[in-house]
């Protein structure tokens, strides 16, 4: 009598990281880009409003300006809270997130791009940061704790997304203010 023994191949599905931050597949970076129509405002008013907002938001007036071409670029930072959990162990973390914001103005509209997200470092960007793209990639590496790392990356990215959405809303509100005709 012959016995046939078969071994089934077990396949375990690995969950990819589900990131809510928009990804630019051409540049291979996470970034937010948008064009905002403001028909009643000139490019010079938008530019002036942006300067005032950036100084108030980031606490300094040291940003790159290209006034002839109506462009401003600045660096900013915010903190996010996330929870790393593995089994019954949980740790609440707080990370500093650095970013670059670029604003370009034309009559009646402006374009914003928020990109170059980095985790860690300090608000002045003098201490090295880990690019968000590298952080997400490392969370997907195989090994013990992969599932926990994926959840943590998703949690951090969701917190970043929420902060950037608030930042965009605040920017849109401030830039839409008409100029004061005060002499």
Protein backbone atom coordinates (compact mmCIF):
# COMPACT_ATOMS: atom_id res chain seq x y z
CA UNK A 1 0.00 0.00 0.00
CA UNK A 2 1.41 3.39 -0.95
CA UNK A 3 0.66 6.59 0.83
CA UNK A 4 0.73 9.90 -0.87
CA UNK A 5 1.73 12.76 1.34
CA UNK A 6 1.08 16.24 0.09
CA UNK A 7 2.23 19.44 1.62
CA UNK A 8 0.24 22.51 0.90
CA UNK A 9 2.00 25.76 0.39
CA UNK A 10 0.78 28.24 2.90
CA UNK A 11 0.75 31.79 1.77
CA UNK A 12 0.55 34.53 4.31
CA UNK A 13 -0.66 37.84 3.02
CA UNK A 14 1.42 40.74 4.17
CA UNK A 15 -0.52 43.93 4.66
CA UNK A 16 0.95 46.87 2.80
CA UNK A 17 1.08 50.18 4.57
CA UNK A 18 -2.05 52.24 3.95
CA UNK A 19 -0.88 55.85 3.92
CA UNK A 20 -3.38 58.70 3.68
CA UNK A 21 -0.77 61.24 2.54
CA UNK A 22 -0.77 61.89 -1.24
CA UNK A 23 2.20 60.29 -3.01
CA UNK A 24 3.76 61.84 -6.12
CA UNK A 25 4.78 58.76 -8.11
CA UNK A 26 6.84 60.84 -10.55
CA UNK A 27 9.04 62.46 -7.89
CA UNK A 28 8.67 59.48 -5.50
CA UNK A 29 7.80 61.73 -2.54
CA UNK A 30 4.83 62.40 -0.31
CA UNK A 31 3.45 65.86 -1.06
CA UNK A 32 0.33 68.00 -0.99
CA UNK A 33 -0.28 70.23 -4.00
CA UNK A 34 -3.22 72.42 -4.82
CA UNK A 35 -4.33 75.48 -6.74
CA UNK A 36 -6.65 77.91 -4.98
CA UNK A 37 -8.76 80.36 -6.99
CA UNK A 38 -9.11 83.81 -5.44
CA UNK A 39 -10.53 85.90 -8.27
CA UNK A 40 -10.92 89.07 -6.20
CA UNK A 41 -7.26 89.19 -5.03
CA UNK A 42 -4.21 90.26 -6.99
CA UNK A 43 -0.96 88.32 -6.95
CA UNK A 44 0.73 91.09 -4.93
CA UNK A 45 -1.96 90.95 -2.22
CA UNK A 46 -1.70 87.15 -2.09
CA UNK A 47 2.09 87.41 -1.86
CA UNK A 48 1.86 89.95 0.96
CA UNK A 49 -0.72 87.86 2.84
CA UNK A 50 1.49 84.78 2.48
CA UNK A 51 4.53 86.60 3.90
CA UNK A 52 2.51 87.73 6.93
CA UNK A 53 1.06 84.25 7.44
CA UNK A 54 4.44 82.49 7.15
CA UNK A 55 6.09 84.89 9.60
CA UNK A 56 3.28 84.31 12.11
CA UNK A 57 3.14 80.56 11.51
CA UNK A 58 6.83 79.69 11.60
CA UNK A 59 7.99 82.52 13.85
CA UNK A 60 10.67 83.87 11.56
CA UNK A 61 11.09 85.93 8.43
CA UNK A 62 13.92 83.83 7.06
CA UNK A 63 12.45 82.24 3.98
CA UNK A 64 13.40 82.12 0.33
CA UNK A 65 11.71 84.82 -1.67
CA UNK A 66 11.61 85.29 -5.40
CA UNK A 67 9.54 88.48 -5.51
CA UNK A 68 9.89 89.10 -9.28
CA UNK A 69 8.38 85.66 -9.96
CA UNK A 70 5.94 85.80 -7.02
CA UNK A 71 7.33 82.75 -5.21
CA UNK A 72 8.00 82.04 -1.55
CA UNK A 73 9.51 78.91 0.01
CA UNK A 74 9.75 78.28 3.74
CA UNK A 75 10.51 75.49 6.21
CA UNK A 76 8.19 74.65 9.04
CA UNK A 77 7.64 72.04 11.72
CA UNK A 78 4.92 70.57 13.89
CA UNK A 79 4.67 67.68 16.33
CA UNK A 80 2.51 64.58 16.02
CA UNK A 81 1.51 62.00 18.61
CA UNK A 82 1.25 58.31 17.77
CA UNK A 83 1.03 55.01 19.60
CA UNK A 84 3.41 52.12 19.02
CA UNK A 85 1.87 48.89 20.25
CA UNK A 86 3.23 45.38 20.11
CA UNK A 87 1.11 42.83 21.89
CA UNK A 88 0.18 44.21 25.28
CA UNK A 89 3.03 46.73 25.33
CA UNK A 90 2.12 50.25 24.22
CA UNK A 91 4.24 53.35 23.97
CA UNK A 92 3.00 56.84 23.21
CA UNK A 93 5.44 58.73 21.00
CA UNK A 94 5.79 62.32 19.94
CA UNK A 95 7.67 63.15 16.75
CA UNK A 96 8.76 66.43 15.28
CA UNK A 97 7.84 66.65 11.60
CA UNK A 98 9.75 69.10 9.40
CA UNK A 99 8.39 70.15 6.00
CA UNK A 100 8.92 72.61 3.17
CA UNK A 101 6.12 74.79 1.83
CA UNK A 102 6.33 76.47 -1.56
CA UNK A 103 3.83 79.12 -2.69
CA UNK A 104 3.51 80.59 -6.20
CA UNK A 105 1.16 83.44 -7.06
CA UNK A 106 -0.64 84.64 -10.19
CA UNK A 107 -3.51 87.12 -10.43
CA UNK A 108 -6.58 85.50 -8.92
CA UNK A 109 -4.93 82.25 -7.83
CA UNK A 110 -2.02 80.62 -6.07
CA UNK A 111 -0.43 77.19 -5.96
CA UNK A 112 0.93 75.53 -2.85
CA UNK A 113 3.17 72.50 -2.47
CA UNK A 114 3.97 71.00 0.93
CA UNK A 115 6.66 68.35 0.75
CA UNK A 116 10.05 67.07 2.02
CA UNK A 117 8.61 65.67 5.22
CA UNK A 118 11.23 64.58 7.71
CA UNK A 119 10.78 62.91 11.09
CA UNK A 120 12.94 63.80 14.07
CA UNK A 121 15.62 66.44 14.16
CA UNK A 122 14.74 69.90 15.38
CA UNK A 123 12.60 72.78 14.15
CA UNK A 124 15.59 74.60 12.64
CA UNK A 125 16.42 71.61 10.41
CA UNK A 126 20.02 71.62 11.62
CA UNK A 127 19.74 68.12 13.09
CA UNK A 128 19.34 65.29 10.54
CA UNK A 129 15.86 63.96 9.99
CA UNK A 130 14.57 60.71 8.54
CA UNK A 131 12.68 61.30 5.28
CA UNK A 132 9.05 60.18 5.51
CA UNK A 133 9.55 57.95 2.46
CA UNK A 134 12.37 56.05 4.24
CA UNK A 135 10.28 55.78 7.43
CA UNK A 136 7.38 54.20 5.52
CA UNK A 137 9.69 51.86 3.57
CA UNK A 138 11.43 50.65 6.73
CA UNK A 139 8.10 49.90 8.38
CA UNK A 140 7.42 47.33 5.65
CA UNK A 141 10.63 45.37 6.17
CA UNK A 142 10.13 41.76 7.06
CA UNK A 143 10.95 40.55 10.51
CA UNK A 144 9.58 40.42 13.98
CA UNK A 145 7.23 43.23 14.72
CA UNK A 146 6.44 44.04 11.08
CA UNK A 147 2.71 44.27 11.72
CA UNK A 148 3.30 46.61 14.67
CA UNK A 149 5.67 48.74 12.57
CA UNK A 150 3.08 48.99 9.79
CA UNK A 151 0.38 50.07 12.27
CA UNK A 152 2.75 52.62 13.78
CA UNK A 153 3.67 54.06 10.36
CA UNK A 154 -0.02 54.34 9.49
CA UNK A 155 -0.71 56.06 12.83
CA UNK A 156 2.14 58.56 12.34
CA UNK A 157 1.12 59.28 8.75
CA UNK A 158 -2.54 59.77 9.73
CA UNK A 159 -1.42 62.30 12.35
CA UNK A 160 0.78 64.08 9.77
CA UNK A 161 -2.14 64.14 7.32
CA UNK A 162 -4.45 65.69 9.94
CA UNK A 163 -1.87 68.39 10.78
CA UNK A 164 -1.23 69.25 7.12
CA UNK A 165 -4.96 69.48 6.39
CA UNK A 166 -5.26 71.95 9.30
CA UNK A 167 -2.24 73.85 7.94
CA UNK A 168 -3.79 74.10 4.46
CA UNK A 169 -7.11 75.26 5.89
CA UNK A 170 -5.37 77.92 7.98
CA UNK A 171 -3.32 79.05 4.97
CA UNK A 172 -6.39 79.29 2.72
CA UNK A 173 -8.24 81.36 5.32
CA UNK A 174 -5.36 83.76 5.88
CA UNK A 175 -4.41 84.24 2.24
CA UNK A 176 -8.04 84.95 1.26
CA UNK A 177 -8.18 88.10 3.40
CA UNK A 178 -8.55 91.25 1.32
CA UNK A 179 -5.89 93.91 1.77
CA UNK A 180 -6.53 96.75 4.16
CA UNK A 181 -6.66 100.04 2.30
CA UNK A 182 -5.22 101.89 5.26
CA UNK A 183 -2.93 104.87 4.80
